[in-house]
Amino acid sequence: MLEHRYHRRIPQDLPATLRTRSGETARCRITDCCSDGIGLVCEDAKLAEGAIVEVEIATANGGGGARPRSYVIHAEGDRVGLMWLDDAPVPACLQPR
């Protein structure tokens, strides 16, 4: 089955940390982004579809970056897709250059 995308995906390779509403954290890698959300690989987290999370994106200088709230739109194995909540803007560190 072909997947239909409304927005172009931009490949990424950035470390990130997910935080759930219950306070759990998981180290992940951002694999791609678009204006609607991001794709991640999270080997140490099992997230349910619809879960609300906050993603802290590591910046180039090693510090914590944007922490947009998102929800899990799909989760299959270690692959997770998040969609921004509240029309959150795409964080500057994920903007195309």
PDB file of N, CA and C in Angstrom:
ATOM      1  N   MET A   1       0.841  -1.177   0.000  1.00  0.00           N
ATOM      2  CA  MET A   1       0.000   0.000   0.000  1.00  0.00           C
ATOM      3  C   MET A   1       0.888   1.244   0.000  1.00  0.00           C
ATOM      4  N   LEU A   2       0.612   2.170  -0.878  1.00  0.00           N
ATOM      5  CA  LEU A   2       1.365   3.417  -0.942  1.00  0.00           C
ATOM      6  C   LEU A   2       0.851   4.392   0.103  1.00  0.00           C
ATOM      7  N   GLU A   3       1.759   5.116   0.684  1.00  0.00           N
ATOM      8  CA  GLU A   3       1.412   6.108   1.685  1.00  0.00           C
ATOM      9  C   GLU A   3       1.317   7.469   1.004  1.00  0.00           C
ATOM     10  N   HIS A   4       0.232   8.193   1.254  1.00  0.00           N
ATOM     11  CA  HIS A   4       0.050   9.519   0.668  1.00  0.00           C
ATOM     12  C   HIS A   4       0.478  10.569   1.680  1.00  0.00           C
ATOM     13  N   ARG A   5       1.380  11.436   1.293  1.00  0.00           N
ATOM     14  CA  ARG A   5       1.855  12.507   2.174  1.00  0.00           C
ATOM     15  C   ARG A   5       1.379  13.846   1.635  1.00  0.00           C
ATOM     16  N   TYR A   6       0.960  14.705   2.551  1.00  0.00           N
ATOM     17  CA  TYR A   6       0.542  16.053   2.179  1.00  0.00           C
ATOM     18  C   TYR A   6       1.705  17.026   2.187  1.00  0.00           C
ATOM     19  N   HIS A   7       2.766  16.713   2.939  1.00  0.00           N
ATOM     20  CA  HIS A   7       3.911  17.603   3.067  1.00  0.00           C
ATOM     21  C   HIS A   7       5.187  16.819   2.809  1.00  0.00           C
ATOM     22  N   ARG A   8       6.154  17.482   2.235  1.00  0.00           N
ATOM     23  CA  ARG A   8       7.433  16.851   1.917  1.00  0.00           C
ATOM     24  C   ARG A   8       8.199  16.533   3.197  1.00  0.00           C
ATOM     25  N   ARG A   9       8.738  15.318   3.274  1.00  0.00           N
ATOM     26  CA  ARG A   9       9.555  14.889   4.409  1.00  0.00           C
ATOM     27  C   ARG A   9      11.009  15.281   4.165  1.00  0.00           C
ATOM     28  N   ILE A  10      11.644  15.818   5.185  1.00  0.00           N
ATOM     29  CA  ILE A  10      13.044  16.225   5.104  1.00  0.00           C
ATOM     30  C   ILE A  10      13.849  15.268   5.978  1.00  0.00           C
ATOM     31  N   PRO A  11      14.800  14.527   5.382  1.00  0.00           N
ATOM     32  CA  PRO A  11      15.596  13.599   6.188  1.00  0.00           C
ATOM     33  C   PRO A  11      16.384  14.333   7.277  1.00  0.00           C
ATOM     34  N   GLN A  12      16.483  13.716   8.437  1.00  0.00           N
ATOM     35  CA  GLN A  12      17.207  14.265   9.579  1.00  0.00           C
ATOM     36  C   GLN A  12      17.960  13.134  10.270  1.00  0.00           C
ATOM     37  N   ASP A  13      18.887  13.473  11.107  1.00  0.00           N
ATOM     38  CA  ASP A  13      19.546  12.518  11.990  1.00  0.00           C
ATOM     39  C   ASP A  13      19.976  13.287  13.227  1.00  0.00           C
ATOM     40  N   LEU A  14      19.017  13.460  14.146  1.00  0.00           N
ATOM     41  CA  LEU A  14      19.249  14.253  15.352  1.00  0.00           C
ATOM     42  C   LEU A  14      18.832  13.475  16.589  1.00  0.00           C
ATOM     43  N   PRO A  15      19.599  13.574  17.665  1.00  0.00           N
ATOM     44  CA  PRO A  15      19.165  12.948  18.916  1.00  0.00           C
ATOM     45  C   PRO A  15      18.014  13.749  19.524  1.00  0.00           C
ATOM     46  N   ALA A  16      17.132  13.040  20.215  1.00  0.00           N
ATOM     47  CA  ALA A  16      15.993  13.685  20.871  1.00  0.00           C
ATOM     48  C   ALA A  16      15.619  12.867  22.099  1.00  0.00           C
ATOM     49  N   THR A  17      14.898  13.499  22.999  1.00  0.00           N
ATOM     50  CA  THR A  17      14.383  12.821  24.180  1.00  0.00           C
ATOM     51  C   THR A  17      12.876  13.025  24.217  1.00  0.00           C
ATOM     52  N   LEU A  18      12.125  11.940  24.361  1.00  0.00           N
ATOM     53  CA  LEU A  18      10.670  12.009  24.498  1.00  0.00           C
ATOM     54  C   LEU A  18      10.305  11.958  25.965  1.00  0.00           C
ATOM     55  N   ARG A  19       9.303  12.737  26.336  1.00  0.00           N
ATOM     56  CA  ARG A  19       8.762  12.698  27.695  1.00  0.00           C
ATOM     57  C   ARG A  19       7.260  12.478  27.594  1.00  0.00           C
ATOM     58  N   THR A  20       6.778  11.494  28.337  1.00  0.00           N
ATOM     59  CA  THR A  20       5.339  11.234  28.351  1.00  0.00           C
ATOM     60  C   THR A  20       4.694  12.034  29.472  1.00  0.00           C
ATOM     61  N   ARG A  21       3.379  12.076  29.468  1.00  0.00           N
ATOM     62  CA  ARG A  21       2.659  12.795  30.521  1.00  0.00           C
ATOM     63  C   ARG A  21       2.897  12.181  31.892  1.00  0.00           C
ATOM     64  N   SER A  22       3.215  10.888  31.924  1.00  0.00           N
ATOM     65  CA  SER A  22       3.465  10.219  33.207  1.00  0.00           C
ATOM     66  C   SER A  22       4.889  10.440  33.712  1.00  0.00           C
ATOM     67  N   GLY A  23       5.716  11.155  32.921  1.00  0.00           N
ATOM     68  CA  GLY A  23       7.071  11.468  33.343  1.00  0.00           C
ATOM     69  C   GLY A  23       8.143  10.530  32.820  1.00  0.00           C
ATOM     70  N   GLU A  24       7.756   9.495  32.080  1.00  0.00           N
ATOM     71  CA  GLU A  24       8.746   8.585  31.508  1.00  0.00           C
ATOM     72  C   GLU A  24       9.518   9.298  30.402  1.00  0.00           C
ATOM     73  N   THR A  25      10.793   8.928  30.237  1.00  0.00           N
ATOM     74  CA  THR A  25      11.594   9.495  29.157  1.00  0.00           C
ATOM     75  C   THR A  25      12.153   8.375  28.296  1.00  0.00           C
ATOM     76  N   ALA A  26      12.437   8.704  27.052  1.00  0.00           N
ATOM     77  CA  ALA A  26      13.037   7.749  26.121  1.00  0.00           C
ATOM     78  C   ALA A  26      13.977   8.500  25.197  1.00  0.00           C
ATOM     79  N   ARG A  27      15.167   7.938  24.990  1.00  0.00           N
ATOM     80  CA  ARG A  27      16.125   8.521  24.050  1.00  0.00           C
ATOM     81  C   ARG A  27      15.786   8.002  22.665  1.00  0.00           C
ATOM     82  N   CYS A  28      15.746   8.921  21.697  1.00  0.00           N
ATOM     83  CA  CYS A  28      15.343   8.582  20.333  1.00  0.00           C
ATOM     84  C   CYS A  28      16.246   9.285  19.329  1.00  0.00           C
ATOM     85  N   ARG A  29      16.029   8.985  18.057  1.00  0.00           N
ATOM     86  CA  ARG A  29      16.683   9.713  16.966  1.00  0.00           C
ATOM     87  C   ARG A  29      15.600  10.166  16.008  1.00  0.00           C
ATOM     88  N   ILE A  30      15.656  11.441  15.633  1.00  0.00           N
ATOM     89  CA  ILE A  30      14.738  11.974  14.631  1.00  0.00           C
ATOM     90  C   ILE A  30      15.265  11.549  13.263  1.00  0.00           C
ATOM     91  N   THR A  31      14.414  10.924  12.467  1.00  0.00           N
ATOM     92  CA  THR A  31      14.825  10.443  11.147  1.00  0.00           C
ATOM     93  C   THR A  31      14.323  11.326  10.015  1.00  0.00           C
ATOM     94  N   ASP A  32      13.213  12.029  10.249  1.00  0.00           N
ATOM     95  CA  ASP A  32      12.672  12.926   9.228  1.00  0.00           C
ATOM     96  C   ASP A  32      11.679  13.878   9.868  1.00  0.00           C
ATOM     97  N   CYS A  33      11.387  14.969   9.155  1.00  0.00           N
ATOM     98  CA  CYS A  33      10.409  15.927   9.655  1.00  0.00           C
ATOM     99  C   CYS A  33       9.659  16.549   8.495  1.00  0.00           C
ATOM    100  N   CYS A  34       8.544  17.150   8.805  1.00  0.00           N
ATOM    101  CA  CYS A  34       7.770  17.944   7.852  1.00  0.00           C
ATOM    102  C   CYS A  34       7.015  18.984   8.669  1.00  0.00           C
ATOM    103  N   SER A  35       6.189  19.770   8.027  1.00  0.00           N
ATOM    104  CA  SER A  35       5.492  20.823   8.754  1.00  0.00           C
ATOM    105  C   SER A  35       4.450  20.277   9.725  1.00  0.00           C
ATOM    106  N   ASP A  36       4.049  19.012   9.575  1.00  0.00           N
ATOM    107  CA  ASP A  36       3.051  18.409  10.465  1.00  0.00           C
ATOM    108  C   ASP A  36       3.635  17.661  11.652  1.00  0.00           C
ATOM    109  N   GLY A  37       4.893  17.204  11.549  1.00  0.00           N
ATOM    110  CA  GLY A  37       5.436  16.407  12.636  1.00  0.00           C
ATOM    111  C   GLY A  37       6.794  15.817  12.297  1.00  0.00           C
ATOM    112  N   ILE A  38       7.162  14.756  13.020  1.00  0.00           N
ATOM    113  CA  ILE A  38       8.472  14.139  12.838  1.00  0.00           C
ATOM    114  C   ILE A  38       8.364  12.619  12.901  1.00  0.00           C
ATOM    115  N   GLY A  39       9.355  11.968  12.299  1.00  0.00           N
ATOM    116  CA  GLY A  39       9.513  10.527  12.402  1.00  0.00           C
ATOM    117  C   GLY A  39      10.693  10.240  13.307  1.00  0.00           C
ATOM    118  N   LEU A  40      10.563   9.222  14.148  1.00  0.00           N
ATOM    119  CA  LEU A  40      11.593   8.884  15.123  1.00  0.00           C
ATOM    120  C   LEU A  40      11.869   7.390  15.124  1.00  0.00           C
ATOM    121  N   VAL A  41      13.050   7.052  15.608  1.00  0.00           N
ATOM    122  CA  VAL A  41      13.364   5.684  15.993  1.00  0.00           C
ATOM    123  C   VAL A  41      13.583   5.728  17.498  1.00  0.00           C
ATOM    124  N   CYS A  42      12.773   4.968  18.232  1.00  0.00           N
ATOM    125  CA  CYS A  42      12.847   4.916  19.699  1.00  0.00           C
ATOM    126  C   CYS A  42      12.965   3.460  20.109  1.00  0.00           C
ATOM    127  N   GLU A  43      14.178   3.022  20.336  1.00  0.00           N
ATOM    128  CA  GLU A  43      14.399   1.615  20.660  1.00  0.00           C
ATOM    129  C   GLU A  43      13.977   1.243  22.068  1.00  0.00           C
ATOM    130  N   ASP A  44      14.013   2.192  22.993  1.00  0.00           N
ATOM    131  CA  ASP A  44      13.713   1.852  24.384  1.00  0.00           C
ATOM    132  C   ASP A  44      12.354   2.364  24.860  1.00  0.00           C
ATOM    133  N   ALA A  45      11.432   2.593  23.927  1.00  0.00           N
ATOM    134  CA  ALA A  45      10.105   3.078  24.322  1.00  0.00           C
ATOM    135  C   ALA A  45       9.025   2.347  23.539  1.00  0.00           C
ATOM    136  N   LYS A  46       7.959   2.028  24.223  1.00  0.00           N
ATOM    137  CA  LYS A  46       6.778   1.464  23.581  1.00  0.00           C
ATOM    138  C   LYS A  46       5.657   2.472  23.786  1.00  0.00           C
ATOM    139  N   LEU A  47       5.345   3.208  22.744  1.00  0.00           N
ATOM    140  CA  LEU A  47       4.361   4.280  22.834  1.00  0.00           C
ATOM    141  C   LEU A  47       3.069   3.862  22.152  1.00  0.00           C
ATOM    142  N   ALA A  48       1.970   4.172  22.777  1.00  0.00           N
ATOM    143  CA  ALA A  48       0.661   3.856  22.216  1.00  0.00           C
ATOM    144  C   ALA A  48       0.211   4.978  21.279  1.00  0.00           C
ATOM    145  N   GLU A  49      -0.477   4.608  20.214  1.00  0.00           N
ATOM    146  CA  GLU A  49      -1.038   5.623  19.322  1.00  0.00           C
ATOM    147  C   GLU A  49      -1.982   6.509  20.123  1.00  0.00           C
ATOM    148  N   GLY A  50      -1.890   7.813  19.885  1.00  0.00           N
ATOM    149  CA  GLY A  50      -2.711   8.788  20.590  1.00  0.00           C
ATOM    150  C   GLY A  50      -2.072   9.348  21.851  1.00  0.00           C
ATOM    151  N   ALA A  51      -0.963   8.761  22.289  1.00  0.00           N
ATOM    152  CA  ALA A  51      -0.287   9.256  23.490  1.00  0.00           C
ATOM    153  C   ALA A  51       0.245  10.664  23.236  1.00  0.00           C
ATOM    154  N   ILE A  52       0.138  11.516  24.240  1.00  0.00           N
ATOM    155  CA  ILE A  52       0.667  12.878  24.159  1.00  0.00           C
ATOM    156  C   ILE A  52       2.090  12.849  24.703  1.00  0.00           C
ATOM    157  N   VAL A  53       3.020  13.420  23.957  1.00  0.00           N
ATOM    158  CA  VAL A  53       4.426  13.448  24.365  1.00  0.00           C
ATOM    159  C   VAL A  53       4.999  14.835  24.121  1.00  0.00           C
ATOM    160  N   GLU A  54       6.127  15.070  24.747  1.00  0.00           N
ATOM    161  CA  GLU A  54       6.899  16.282  24.503  1.00  0.00           C
ATOM    162  C   GLU A  54       8.247  15.803  23.990  1.00  0.00           C
ATOM    163  N   VAL A  55       8.751  16.417  22.927  1.00  0.00           N
ATOM    164  CA  VAL A  55      10.022  15.976  22.367  1.00  0.00           C
ATOM    165  C   VAL A  55      11.046  17.091  22.507  1.00  0.00           C
ATOM    166  N   GLU A  56      12.148  16.774  23.189  1.00  0.00           N
ATOM    167  CA  GLU A  56      13.242  17.729  23.332  1.00  0.00           C
ATOM    168  C   GLU A  56      14.275  17.390  22.279  1.00  0.00           C
ATOM    169  N   ILE A  57      14.529  18.341  21.414  1.00  0.00           N
ATOM    170  CA  ILE A  57      15.428  18.132  20.284  1.00  0.00           C
ATOM    171  C   ILE A  57      16.789  18.709  20.635  1.00  0.00           C
ATOM    172  N   ALA A  58      17.814  17.880  20.563  1.00  0.00           N
ATOM    173  CA  ALA A  58      19.172  18.336  20.865  1.00  0.00           C
ATOM    174  C   ALA A  58      19.636  19.292  19.777  1.00  0.00           C
ATOM    175  N   THR A  59      20.263  20.373  20.169  1.00  0.00           N
ATOM    176  CA  THR A  59      20.771  21.348  19.207  1.00  0.00           C
ATOM    177  C   THR A  59      22.215  21.019  18.840  1.00  0.00           C
ATOM    178  N   ALA A  60      22.723  21.691  17.836  1.00  0.00           N
ATOM    179  CA  ALA A  60      24.081  21.425  17.342  1.00  0.00           C
ATOM    180  C   ALA A  60      25.140  21.637  18.417  1.00  0.00           C
ATOM    181  N   ASN A  61      24.900  22.558  19.348  1.00  0.00           N
ATOM    182  CA  ASN A  61      25.893  22.812  20.402  1.00  0.00           C
ATOM    183  C   ASN A  61      25.734  21.867  21.589  1.00  0.00           C
ATOM    184  N   GLY A  62      24.835  20.878  21.460  1.00  0.00           N
ATOM    185  CA  GLY A  62      24.681  19.870  22.500  1.00  0.00           C
ATOM    186  C   GLY A  62      23.629  20.179  23.541  1.00  0.00           C
ATOM    187  N   GLY A  63      23.061  21.367  23.500  1.00  0.00           N
ATOM    188  CA  GLY A  63      22.037  21.726  24.473  1.00  0.00           C
ATOM    189  C   GLY A  63      20.663  21.265  24.035  1.00  0.00           C
ATOM    190  N   GLY A  64      19.702  21.348  24.956  1.00  0.00           N
ATOM    191  CA  GLY A  64      18.324  20.998  24.639  1.00  0.00           C
ATOM    192  C   GLY A  64      17.674  22.099  23.825  1.00  0.00           C
ATOM    193  N   GLY A  65      16.932  21.722  22.837  1.00  0.00           N
ATOM    194  CA  GLY A  65      16.279  22.698  21.965  1.00  0.00           C
ATOM    195  C   GLY A  65      14.793  22.761  22.234  1.00  0.00           C
ATOM    196  N   ALA A  66      14.045  22.948  21.176  1.00  0.00           N
ATOM    197  CA  ALA A  66      12.598  23.085  21.264  1.00  0.00           C
ATOM    198  C   ALA A  66      11.972  21.868  21.924  1.00  0.00           C
ATOM    199  N   ARG A  67      10.850  22.075  22.580  1.00  0.00           N
ATOM    200  CA  ARG A  67      10.133  20.984  23.230  1.00  0.00           C
ATOM    201  C   ARG A  67       8.661  21.021  22.836  1.00  0.00           C
ATOM    202  N   PRO A  68       8.373  20.856  21.550  1.00  0.00           N
ATOM    203  CA  PRO A  68       6.968  20.926  21.132  1.00  0.00           C
ATOM    204  C   PRO A  68       6.170  19.716  21.607  1.00  0.00           C
ATOM    205  N   ARG A  69       4.920  19.991  21.984  1.00  0.00           N
ATOM    206  CA  ARG A  69       4.009  18.905  22.351  1.00  0.00           C
ATOM    207  C   ARG A  69       3.491  18.255  21.083  1.00  0.00           C
ATOM    208  N   SER A  70       3.391  16.938  21.131  1.00  0.00           N
ATOM    209  CA  SER A  70       2.979  16.164  19.972  1.00  0.00           C
ATOM    210  C   SER A  70       2.137  14.990  20.432  1.00  0.00           C
ATOM    211  N   TYR A  71       1.512  14.310  19.470  1.00  0.00           N
ATOM    212  CA  TYR A  71       0.858  13.051  19.801  1.00  0.00           C
ATOM    213  C   TYR A  71       1.324  11.982  18.834  1.00  0.00           C
ATOM    214  N   VAL A  72       1.289  10.758  19.314  1.00  0.00           N
ATOM    215  CA  VAL A  72       1.743   9.618  18.525  1.00  0.00           C
ATOM    216  C   VAL A  72       0.668   9.283  17.506  1.00  0.00           C
ATOM    217  N   ILE A  73       1.009   9.453  16.237  1.00  0.00           N
ATOM    218  CA  ILE A  73       0.067   9.168  15.151  1.00  0.00           C
ATOM    219  C   ILE A  73       0.194   7.713  14.693  1.00  0.00           C
ATOM    220  N   HIS A  74       1.399   7.158  14.788  1.00  0.00           N
ATOM    221  CA  HIS A  74       1.590   5.723  14.534  1.00  0.00           C
ATOM    222  C   HIS A  74       2.832   5.228  15.270  1.00  0.00           C
ATOM    223  N   ALA A  75       2.796   3.966  15.639  1.00  0.00           N
ATOM    224  CA  ALA A  75       3.928   3.329  16.317  1.00  0.00           C
ATOM    225  C   ALA A  75       3.991   1.882  15.855  1.00  0.00           C
ATOM    226  N   GLU A  76       5.084   1.548  15.180  1.00  0.00           N
ATOM    227  CA  GLU A  76       5.289   0.186  14.688  1.00  0.00           C
ATOM    228  C   GLU A  76       6.716  -0.224  15.021  1.00  0.00           C
ATOM    229  N   GLY A  77       6.868  -1.150  15.955  1.00  0.00           N
ATOM    230  CA  GLY A  77       8.206  -1.542  16.383  1.00  0.00           C
ATOM    231  C   GLY A  77       8.913  -0.357  17.006  1.00  0.00           C
ATOM    232  N   ASP A  78      10.122  -0.056  16.516  1.00  0.00           N
ATOM    233  CA  ASP A  78      10.849   1.097  17.064  1.00  0.00           C
ATOM    234  C   ASP A  78      10.600   2.381  16.278  1.00  0.00           C
ATOM    235  N   ARG A  79       9.780   2.317  15.226  1.00  0.00           N
ATOM    236  CA  ARG A  79       9.441   3.498  14.417  1.00  0.00           C
ATOM    237  C   ARG A  79       8.219   4.192  15.000  1.00  0.00           C
ATOM    238  N   VAL A  80       8.326   5.500  15.201  1.00  0.00           N
ATOM    239  CA  VAL A  80       7.240   6.296  15.778  1.00  0.00           C
ATOM    240  C   VAL A  80       7.033   7.537  14.923  1.00  0.00           C
ATOM    241  N   GLY A  81       5.793   7.865  14.645  1.00  0.00           N
ATOM    242  CA  GLY A  81       5.448   9.095  13.953  1.00  0.00           C
ATOM    243  C   GLY A  81       4.687  10.014  14.882  1.00  0.00           C
ATOM    244  N   LEU A  82       5.151  11.248  14.999  1.00  0.00           N
ATOM    245  CA  LEU A  82       4.493  12.238  15.856  1.00  0.00           C
ATOM    246  C   LEU A  82       3.898  13.347  15.021  1.00  0.00           C
ATOM    247  N   MET A  83       2.761  13.858  15.454  1.00  0.00           N
ATOM    248  CA  MET A  83       2.141  15.019  14.826  1.00  0.00           C
ATOM    249  C   MET A  83       2.109  16.135  15.851  1.00  0.00           C
ATOM    250  N   TRP A  84       2.512  17.342  15.422  1.00  0.00           N
ATOM    251  CA  TRP A  84       2.519  18.490  16.342  1.00  0.00           C
ATOM    252  C   TRP A  84       1.116  18.762  16.861  1.00  0.00           C
ATOM    253  N   LEU A  85       1.027  19.158  18.112  1.00  0.00           N
ATOM    254  CA  LEU A  85      -0.236  19.572  18.722  1.00  0.00           C
ATOM    255  C   LEU A  85      -0.345  21.089  18.690  1.00  0.00           C
ATOM    256  N   ASP A  86      -1.569  21.581  18.761  1.00  0.00           N
ATOM    257  CA  ASP A  86      -1.813  23.021  18.885  1.00  0.00           C
ATOM    258  C   ASP A  86      -1.160  23.827  17.775  1.00  0.00           C
ATOM    259  N   ASP A  87      -1.051  23.263  16.585  1.00  0.00           N
ATOM    260  CA  ASP A  87      -0.415  23.958  15.465  1.00  0.00           C
ATOM    261  C   ASP A  87       0.965  24.480  15.847  1.00  0.00           C
ATOM    262  N   ALA A  88       1.706  23.687  16.601  1.00  0.00           N
ATOM    263  CA  ALA A  88       3.061  24.081  17.002  1.00  0.00           C
ATOM    264  C   ALA A  88       3.904  24.309  15.754  1.00  0.00           C
ATOM    265  N   PRO A  89       4.692  25.367  15.730  1.00  0.00           N
ATOM    266  CA  PRO A  89       5.549  25.606  14.571  1.00  0.00           C
ATOM    267  C   PRO A  89       6.675  24.581  14.503  1.00  0.00           C
ATOM    268  N   VAL A  90       7.172  24.344  13.317  1.00  0.00           N
ATOM    269  CA  VAL A  90       8.316  23.460  13.156  1.00  0.00           C
ATOM    270  C   VAL A  90       9.505  24.110  13.871  1.00  0.00           C
ATOM    271  N   PRO A  91      10.162  23.405  14.784  1.00  0.00           N
ATOM    272  CA  PRO A  91      11.296  23.993  15.502  1.00  0.00           C
ATOM    273  C   PRO A  91      12.381  24.461  14.536  1.00  0.00           C
ATOM    274  N   ALA A  92      13.052  25.556  14.890  1.00  0.00           N
ATOM    275  CA  ALA A  92      14.078  26.142  14.017  1.00  0.00           C
ATOM    276  C   ALA A  92      15.169  25.146  13.663  1.00  0.00           C
ATOM    277  N   CYS A  93      15.531  24.244  14.598  1.00  0.00           N
ATOM    278  CA  CYS A  93      16.602  23.295  14.307  1.00  0.00           C
ATOM    279  C   CYS A  93      16.194  22.259  13.265  1.00  0.00           C
ATOM    280  N   LEU A  94      14.910  22.198  12.920  1.00  0.00           N
ATOM    281  CA  LEU A  94      14.455  21.263  11.889  1.00  0.00           C
ATOM    282  C   LEU A  94      14.102  21.973  10.578  1.00  0.00           C
ATOM    283  N   GLN A  95      14.232  23.279  10.541  1.00  0.00           N
ATOM    284  CA  GLN A  95      13.919  24.042   9.330  1.00  0.00           C
ATOM    285  C   GLN A  95      14.933  23.741   8.238  1.00  0.00           C
ATOM    286  N   PRO A  96      14.472  23.636   6.977  1.00  0.00           N
ATOM    287  CA  PRO A  96      15.429  23.436   5.891  1.00  0.00           C
ATOM    288  C   PRO A  96      16.348  24.643   5.760  1.00  0.00           C
ATOM    289  N   ARG A  97      17.584  24.389   5.412  1.00  0.00           N
ATOM    290  CA  ARG A  97      18.553  25.491   5.278  1.00  0.00           C
ATOM    291  C   ARG A  97      18.927  25.691   3.845  1.00  0.00           C
TER     292      ARG A  97
END
